Protein backbone atom coordinates (compact mmCIF):
# COMPACT_ATOMS: atom_id res chain seq x y z
CA UNK A 1 -16.84 -66.15 52.36
CA UNK A 2 -15.74 -62.52 52.72
CA UNK A 3 -13.49 -61.86 49.69
CA UNK A 4 -11.27 -59.37 51.55
CA UNK A 5 -10.64 -61.89 54.33
CA UNK A 6 -9.79 -64.58 51.79
CA UNK A 7 -7.27 -62.27 50.11
CA UNK A 8 -5.81 -61.27 53.49
CA UNK A 9 -5.35 -64.87 54.64
CA UNK A 10 -3.96 -65.98 51.27
CA UNK A 11 -1.42 -63.14 51.35
CA UNK A 12 -0.32 -64.34 54.78
CA UNK A 13 0.00 -67.92 53.53
CA UNK A 14 1.95 -66.85 50.45
CA UNK A 15 4.27 -64.66 52.50
CA UNK A 16 5.19 -67.50 54.85
CA UNK A 17 5.57 -69.89 51.91
CA UNK A 18 7.96 -67.45 50.21
CA UNK A 19 10.02 -67.15 53.42
CA UNK A 20 10.26 -70.94 53.64
CA UNK A 21 11.28 -71.22 49.98
CA UNK A 22 13.96 -68.54 50.39
CA UNK A 23 15.29 -70.23 53.51
CA UNK A 24 15.69 -73.44 51.49
CA UNK A 25 17.37 -71.64 48.60
CA UNK A 26 14.30 -72.01 46.40
CA UNK A 27 11.93 -69.58 44.74
CA UNK A 28 8.52 -69.30 43.13
CA UNK A 29 9.87 -70.68 39.85
CA UNK A 30 10.63 -73.99 41.58
CA UNK A 31 7.00 -74.28 42.66
CA UNK A 32 5.74 -73.30 39.20
CA UNK A 33 7.98 -75.96 37.66
CA UNK A 34 6.44 -78.60 39.96
CA UNK A 35 2.91 -77.44 39.15
CA UNK A 36 3.73 -77.65 35.45
CA UNK A 37 4.98 -81.21 35.95
CA UNK A 38 1.69 -82.14 37.61
CA UNK A 39 -0.54 -80.48 35.00
CA UNK A 40 -2.88 -82.99 33.41
CA UNK A 41 -2.54 -85.56 36.21
CA UNK A 42 -5.54 -86.44 38.28
CA UNK A 43 -5.05 -86.18 42.02
CA UNK A 44 -5.02 -89.96 42.28
CA UNK A 45 -2.40 -90.32 39.53
CA UNK A 46 -0.20 -87.66 41.12
CA UNK A 47 -0.40 -89.34 44.52
CA UNK A 48 0.40 -92.74 43.00
CA UNK A 49 3.44 -91.29 41.23
CA UNK A 50 4.85 -90.11 44.58
CA UNK A 51 4.77 -93.67 45.92
CA UNK A 52 6.70 -94.89 42.88
CA UNK A 53 9.53 -92.33 43.32
């Protein structure tokens, strides 16, 4: 629960996520677009929609 440790670990996670996105030719905007698409869905609805695709 140490806030500084949470920030430190999250920064590490974000950094590695950004490297992966860049390697795939993607960027943060692609992730934000996906989050926008999911907005308003419950977790169960979102999971069900993945099965349909």
